[in-house]
Amino acid sequence: MAELDTETSEVAQQFVALGNESSVQVLAQAAAALSTVREHLAAARQALDEYAAACEQAKGSGPG
């Protein structure tokens, strides 16, 4: 994700240098979407970690 974010930013800077503002706007929207995706992935990772921890805890407290 970070690599894609960097590449998007670099392309946006190239379009700015060329004076193509509409492309810059589209790339800014893409960067915002990538940020949203990153946030969702972080939340999903946290939920998965919590689920895995709960499963481990349940295994430890079950009949054995």
PDB file of N, CA and C in Angstrom:
ATOM      1  N   MET A   1       0.831  -1.191   0.000  1.00  0.00           N
ATOM      2  CA  MET A   1       0.000   0.000   0.000  1.00  0.00           C
ATOM      3  C   MET A   1       0.870   1.247   0.000  1.00  0.00           C
ATOM      4  N   ALA A   2       1.912   1.250   0.806  1.00  0.00           N
ATOM      5  CA  ALA A   2       2.774   2.428   0.892  1.00  0.00           C
ATOM      6  C   ALA A   2       3.437   2.702  -0.453  1.00  0.00           C
ATOM      7  N   GLU A   3       3.843   1.643  -1.144  1.00  0.00           N
ATOM      8  CA  GLU A   3       4.473   1.811  -2.451  1.00  0.00           C
ATOM      9  C   GLU A   3       3.492   2.411  -3.449  1.00  0.00           C
ATOM     10  N   LEU A   4       2.261   1.937  -3.445  1.00  0.00           N
ATOM     11  CA  LEU A   4       1.234   2.465  -4.337  1.00  0.00           C
ATOM     12  C   LEU A   4       0.936   3.916  -4.007  1.00  0.00           C
ATOM     13  N   ASP A   5       0.904   4.241  -2.729  1.00  0.00           N
ATOM     14  CA  ASP A   5       0.688   5.610  -2.273  1.00  0.00           C
ATOM     15  C   ASP A   5       1.789   6.526  -2.795  1.00  0.00           C
ATOM     16  N   THR A   6       3.034   6.080  -2.683  1.00  0.00           N
ATOM     17  CA  THR A   6       4.178   6.869  -3.140  1.00  0.00           C
ATOM     18  C   THR A   6       4.128   7.064  -4.645  1.00  0.00           C
ATOM     19  N   GLU A   7       3.826   6.002  -5.374  1.00  0.00           N
ATOM     20  CA  GLU A   7       3.743   6.098  -6.826  1.00  0.00           C
ATOM     21  C   GLU A   7       2.637   7.059  -7.248  1.00  0.00           C
ATOM     22  N   THR A   8       1.501   7.022  -6.572  1.00  0.00           N
ATOM     23  CA  THR A   8       0.397   7.934  -6.882  1.00  0.00           C
ATOM     24  C   THR A   8       0.830   9.372  -6.664  1.00  0.00           C
ATOM     25  N   SER A   9       1.527   9.620  -5.583  1.00  0.00           N
ATOM     26  CA  SER A   9       2.010  10.965  -5.271  1.00  0.00           C
ATOM     27  C   SER A   9       3.016  11.434  -6.316  1.00  0.00           C
ATOM     28  N   GLU A  10       3.923  10.552  -6.725  1.00  0.00           N
ATOM     29  CA  GLU A  10       4.926  10.907  -7.727  1.00  0.00           C
ATOM     30  C   GLU A  10       4.276  11.249  -9.062  1.00  0.00           C
ATOM     31  N   VAL A  11       3.292  10.464  -9.466  1.00  0.00           N
ATOM     32  CA  VAL A  11       2.585  10.735 -10.721  1.00  0.00           C
ATOM     33  C   VAL A  11       1.841  12.067 -10.622  1.00  0.00           C
ATOM     34  N   ALA A  12       1.235  12.333  -9.480  1.00  0.00           N
ATOM     35  CA  ALA A  12       0.533  13.604  -9.286  1.00  0.00           C
ATOM     36  C   ALA A  12       1.495  14.770  -9.438  1.00  0.00           C
ATOM     37  N   GLN A  13       2.689  14.648  -8.890  1.00  0.00           N
ATOM     38  CA  GLN A  13       3.680  15.719  -9.001  1.00  0.00           C
ATOM     39  C   GLN A  13       4.094  15.936 -10.450  1.00  0.00           C
ATOM     40  N   GLN A  14       4.183  14.862 -11.214  1.00  0.00           N
ATOM     41  CA  GLN A  14       4.522  14.982 -12.631  1.00  0.00           C
ATOM     42  C   GLN A  14       3.424  15.723 -13.382  1.00  0.00           C
ATOM     43  N   PHE A  15       2.167  15.426 -13.078  1.00  0.00           N
ATOM     44  CA  PHE A  15       1.066  16.121 -13.733  1.00  0.00           C
ATOM     45  C   PHE A  15       1.037  17.594 -13.342  1.00  0.00           C
ATOM     46  N   VAL A  16       1.375  17.898 -12.090  1.00  0.00           N
ATOM     47  CA  VAL A  16       1.444  19.300 -11.662  1.00  0.00           C
ATOM     48  C   VAL A  16       2.488  20.020 -12.495  1.00  0.00           C
ATOM     49  N   ALA A  17       3.639  19.384 -12.683  1.00  0.00           N
ATOM     50  CA  ALA A  17       4.714  19.988 -13.465  1.00  0.00           C
ATOM     51  C   ALA A  17       4.271  20.243 -14.902  1.00  0.00           C
ATOM     52  N   LEU A  18       3.398  19.396 -15.415  1.00  0.00           N
ATOM     53  CA  LEU A  18       2.895  19.563 -16.778  1.00  0.00           C
ATOM     54  C   LEU A  18       1.703  20.514 -16.844  1.00  0.00           C
ATOM     55  N   GLY A  19       1.194  20.910 -15.693  1.00  0.00           N
ATOM     56  CA  GLY A  19       0.064  21.833 -15.656  1.00  0.00           C
ATOM     57  C   GLY A  19      -1.273  21.166 -15.908  1.00  0.00           C
ATOM     58  N   ASN A  20      -1.379  19.873 -15.701  1.00  0.00           N
ATOM     59  CA  ASN A  20      -2.621  19.147 -15.950  1.00  0.00           C
ATOM     60  C   ASN A  20      -3.367  18.972 -14.627  1.00  0.00           C
ATOM     61  N   GLU A  21      -4.131  19.987 -14.259  1.00  0.00           N
ATOM     62  CA  GLU A  21      -4.791  20.016 -12.950  1.00  0.00           C
ATOM     63  C   GLU A  21      -5.884  18.962 -12.800  1.00  0.00           C
ATOM     64  N   SER A  22      -6.587  18.639 -13.874  1.00  0.00           N
ATOM     65  CA  SER A  22      -7.668  17.653 -13.739  1.00  0.00           C
ATOM     66  C   SER A  22      -7.105  16.277 -13.385  1.00  0.00           C
ATOM     67  N   SER A  23      -5.975  15.929 -13.962  1.00  0.00           N
ATOM     68  CA  SER A  23      -5.338  14.658 -13.618  1.00  0.00           C
ATOM     69  C   SER A  23      -4.866  14.668 -12.177  1.00  0.00           C
ATOM     70  N   VAL A  24      -4.374  15.815 -11.728  1.00  0.00           N
ATOM     71  CA  VAL A  24      -3.934  15.944 -10.340  1.00  0.00           C
ATOM     72  C   VAL A  24      -5.110  15.713  -9.403  1.00  0.00           C
ATOM     73  N   GLN A  25      -6.274  16.254  -9.762  1.00  0.00           N
ATOM     74  CA  GLN A  25      -7.460  16.083  -8.925  1.00  0.00           C
ATOM     75  C   GLN A  25      -7.867  14.605  -8.856  1.00  0.00           C
ATOM     76  N   VAL A  26      -7.836  13.930  -9.981  1.00  0.00           N
ATOM     77  CA  VAL A  26      -8.177  12.504 -10.005  1.00  0.00           C
ATOM     78  C   VAL A  26      -7.199  11.714  -9.143  1.00  0.00           C
ATOM     79  N   LEU A  27      -5.918  12.035  -9.250  1.00  0.00           N
ATOM     80  CA  LEU A  27      -4.919  11.327  -8.451  1.00  0.00           C
ATOM     81  C   LEU A  27      -5.062  11.645  -6.968  1.00  0.00           C
ATOM     82  N   ALA A  28      -5.469  12.859  -6.644  1.00  0.00           N
ATOM     83  CA  ALA A  28      -5.710  13.209  -5.239  1.00  0.00           C
ATOM     84  C   ALA A  28      -6.876  12.390  -4.693  1.00  0.00           C
ATOM     85  N   GLN A  29      -7.898  12.206  -5.518  1.00  0.00           N
ATOM     86  CA  GLN A  29      -9.031  11.378  -5.104  1.00  0.00           C
ATOM     87  C   GLN A  29      -8.592   9.922  -4.928  1.00  0.00           C
ATOM     88  N   ALA A  30      -7.716   9.462  -5.811  1.00  0.00           N
ATOM     89  CA  ALA A  30      -7.198   8.095  -5.687  1.00  0.00           C
ATOM     90  C   ALA A  30      -6.385   7.948  -4.405  1.00  0.00           C
ATOM     91  N   ALA A  31      -5.592   8.959  -4.080  1.00  0.00           N
ATOM     92  CA  ALA A  31      -4.801   8.917  -2.849  1.00  0.00           C
ATOM     93  C   ALA A  31      -5.711   8.880  -1.624  1.00  0.00           C
ATOM     94  N   ALA A  32      -6.807   9.634  -1.673  1.00  0.00           N
ATOM     95  CA  ALA A  32      -7.765   9.620  -0.563  1.00  0.00           C
ATOM     96  C   ALA A  32      -8.417   8.240  -0.446  1.00  0.00           C
ATOM     97  N   ALA A  33      -8.731   7.639  -1.586  1.00  0.00           N
ATOM     98  CA  ALA A  33      -9.318   6.295  -1.568  1.00  0.00           C
ATOM     99  C   ALA A  33      -8.327   5.281  -1.000  1.00  0.00           C
ATOM    100  N   LEU A  34      -7.054   5.414  -1.362  1.00  0.00           N
ATOM    101  CA  LEU A  34      -6.032   4.520  -0.814  1.00  0.00           C
ATOM    102  C   LEU A  34      -5.926   4.672   0.695  1.00  0.00           C
ATOM    103  N   SER A  35      -6.061   5.891   1.156  1.00  0.00           N
ATOM    104  CA  SER A  35      -6.016   6.138   2.597  1.00  0.00           C
ATOM    105  C   SER A  35      -7.176   5.437   3.294  1.00  0.00           C
ATOM    106  N   THR A  36      -8.351   5.505   2.678  1.00  0.00           N
ATOM    107  CA  THR A  36      -9.524   4.832   3.237  1.00  0.00           C
ATOM    108  C   THR A  36      -9.320   3.319   3.258  1.00  0.00           C
ATOM    109  N   VAL A  37      -8.769   2.786   2.175  1.00  0.00           N
ATOM    110  CA  VAL A  37      -8.487   1.349   2.112  1.00  0.00           C
ATOM    111  C   VAL A  37      -7.507   0.965   3.212  1.00  0.00           C
ATOM    112  N   ARG A  38      -6.471   1.792   3.400  1.00  0.00           N
ATOM    113  CA  ARG A  38      -5.487   1.512   4.449  1.00  0.00           C
ATOM    114  C   ARG A  38      -6.156   1.464   5.822  1.00  0.00           C
ATOM    115  N   GLU A  39      -7.064   2.405   6.082  1.00  0.00           N
ATOM    116  CA  GLU A  39      -7.781   2.433   7.359  1.00  0.00           C
ATOM    117  C   GLU A  39      -8.626   1.172   7.548  1.00  0.00           C
ATOM    118  N   HIS A  40      -9.305   0.748   6.485  1.00  0.00           N
ATOM    119  CA  HIS A  40     -10.130  -0.461   6.567  1.00  0.00           C
ATOM    120  C   HIS A  40      -9.267  -1.704   6.791  1.00  0.00           C
ATOM    121  N   LEU A  41      -8.125  -1.759   6.120  1.00  0.00           N
ATOM    122  CA  LEU A  41      -7.228  -2.897   6.313  1.00  0.00           C
ATOM    123  C   LEU A  41      -6.691  -2.936   7.738  1.00  0.00           C
ATOM    124  N   ALA A  42      -6.373  -1.777   8.289  1.00  0.00           N
ATOM    125  CA  ALA A  42      -5.884  -1.721   9.668  1.00  0.00           C
ATOM    126  C   ALA A  42      -6.965  -2.190  10.635  1.00  0.00           C
ATOM    127  N   ALA A  43      -8.203  -1.766  10.395  1.00  0.00           N
ATOM    128  CA  ALA A  43      -9.314  -2.193  11.256  1.00  0.00           C
ATOM    129  C   ALA A  43      -9.548  -3.695  11.127  1.00  0.00           C
ATOM    130  N   ALA A  44      -9.469  -4.210   9.906  1.00  0.00           N
ATOM    131  CA  ALA A  44      -9.657  -5.647   9.692  1.00  0.00           C
ATOM    132  C   ALA A  44      -8.543  -6.441  10.368  1.00  0.00           C
ATOM    133  N   ARG A  45      -7.313  -5.943  10.262  1.00  0.00           N
ATOM    134  CA  ARG A  45      -6.189  -6.626  10.909  1.00  0.00           C
ATOM    135  C   ARG A  45      -6.377  -6.658  12.420  1.00  0.00           C
ATOM    136  N   GLN A  46      -6.822  -5.543  12.982  1.00  0.00           N
ATOM    137  CA  GLN A  46      -7.047  -5.483  14.427  1.00  0.00           C
ATOM    138  C   GLN A  46      -8.149  -6.455  14.843  1.00  0.00           C
ATOM    139  N   ALA A  47      -9.239  -6.486  14.074  1.00  0.00           N
ATOM    140  CA  ALA A  47     -10.341  -7.398  14.389  1.00  0.00           C
ATOM    141  C   ALA A  47      -9.880  -8.850  14.297  1.00  0.00           C
ATOM    142  N   LEU A  48      -9.072  -9.163  13.296  1.00  0.00           N
ATOM    143  CA  LEU A  48      -8.560 -10.524  13.150  1.00  0.00           C
ATOM    144  C   LEU A  48      -7.643 -10.892  14.314  1.00  0.00           C
ATOM    145  N   ASP A  49      -6.787  -9.956  14.715  1.00  0.00           N
ATOM    146  CA  ASP A  49      -5.908 -10.204  15.865  1.00  0.00           C
ATOM    147  C   ASP A  49      -6.720 -10.445  17.131  1.00  0.00           C
ATOM    148  N   GLU A  50      -7.769  -9.650  17.325  1.00  0.00           N
ATOM    149  CA  GLU A  50      -8.625  -9.815  18.503  1.00  0.00           C
ATOM    150  C   GLU A  50      -9.347 -11.161  18.469  1.00  0.00           C
ATOM    151  N   TYR A  51      -9.807 -11.558  17.292  1.00  0.00           N
ATOM    152  CA  TYR A  51     -10.481 -12.844  17.139  1.00  0.00           C
ATOM    153  C   TYR A  51      -9.516 -13.994  17.440  1.00  0.00           C
ATOM    154  N   ALA A  52      -8.304 -13.898  16.891  1.00  0.00           N
ATOM    155  CA  ALA A  52      -7.309 -14.941  17.131  1.00  0.00           C
ATOM    156  C   ALA A  52      -6.973 -15.026  18.618  1.00  0.00           C
ATOM    157  N   ALA A  53      -6.848 -13.888  19.271  1.00  0.00           N
ATOM    158  CA  ALA A  53      -6.553 -13.875  20.707  1.00  0.00           C
ATOM    159  C   ALA A  53      -7.702 -14.497  21.496  1.00  0.00           C
ATOM    160  N   ALA A  54      -8.934 -14.192  21.106  1.00  0.00           N
ATOM    161  CA  ALA A  54     -10.101 -14.768  21.785  1.00  0.00           C
ATOM    162  C   ALA A  54     -10.145 -16.279  21.587  1.00  0.00           C
ATOM    163  N   CYS A  55      -9.806 -16.743  20.392  1.00  0.00           N
ATOM    164  CA  CYS A  55      -9.773 -18.191  20.128  1.00  0.00           C
ATOM    165  C   CYS A  55      -8.709 -18.866  20.980  1.00  0.00           C
ATOM    166  N   GLU A  56      -7.541 -18.257  21.064  1.00  0.00           N
ATOM    167  CA  GLU A  56      -6.469 -18.818  21.892  1.00  0.00           C
ATOM    168  C   GLU A  56      -6.882 -18.860  23.360  1.00  0.00           C
ATOM    169  N   GLN A  57      -7.537 -17.804  23.806  1.00  0.00           N
ATOM    170  CA  GLN A  57      -7.993 -17.750  25.196  1.00  0.00           C
ATOM    171  C   GLN A  57      -9.043 -18.835  25.444  1.00  0.00           C
ATOM    172  N   ALA A  58      -9.954 -19.010  24.493  1.00  0.00           N
ATOM    173  CA  ALA A  58     -11.002 -20.029  24.636  1.00  0.00           C
ATOM    174  C   ALA A  58     -10.390 -21.430  24.653  1.00  0.00           C
ATOM    175  N   LYS A  59      -9.367 -21.646  23.836  1.00  0.00           N
ATOM    176  CA  LYS A  59      -8.691 -22.948  23.837  1.00  0.00           C
ATOM    177  C   LYS A  59      -8.050 -23.219  25.192  1.00  0.00           C
ATOM    178  N   GLY A  60      -7.477 -22.185  25.768  1.00  0.00           N
ATOM    179  CA  GLY A  60      -6.806 -22.337  27.048  1.00  0.00           C
ATOM    180  C   GLY A  60      -7.756 -22.562  28.205  1.00  0.00           C
ATOM    181  N   SER A  61      -8.980 -22.057  28.088  1.00  0.00           N
ATOM    182  CA  SER A  61      -9.926 -22.184  29.208  1.00  0.00           C
ATOM    183  C   SER A  61     -10.918 -23.330  29.021  1.00  0.00           C
ATOM    184  N   GLY A  62     -10.808 -24.031  27.893  1.00  0.00           N
ATOM    185  CA  GLY A  62     -11.738 -25.129  27.623  1.00  0.00           C
ATOM    186  C   GLY A  62     -11.362 -26.384  28.390  1.00  0.00           C
ATOM    187  N   PRO A  63     -12.204 -27.421  28.264  1.00  0.00           N
ATOM    188  CA  PRO A  63     -11.910 -28.688  28.956  1.00  0.00           C
ATOM    189  C   PRO A  63     -10.640 -29.304  28.384  1.00  0.00           C
ATOM    190  N   GLY A  64      -9.815 -29.803  29.223  1.00  0.00           N
ATOM    191  CA  GLY A  64      -8.589 -30.334  28.692  1.00  0.00           C
ATOM    192  C   GLY A  64      -8.137 -31.483  29.421  1.00  0.00           C
TER     193      GLY A  64
END
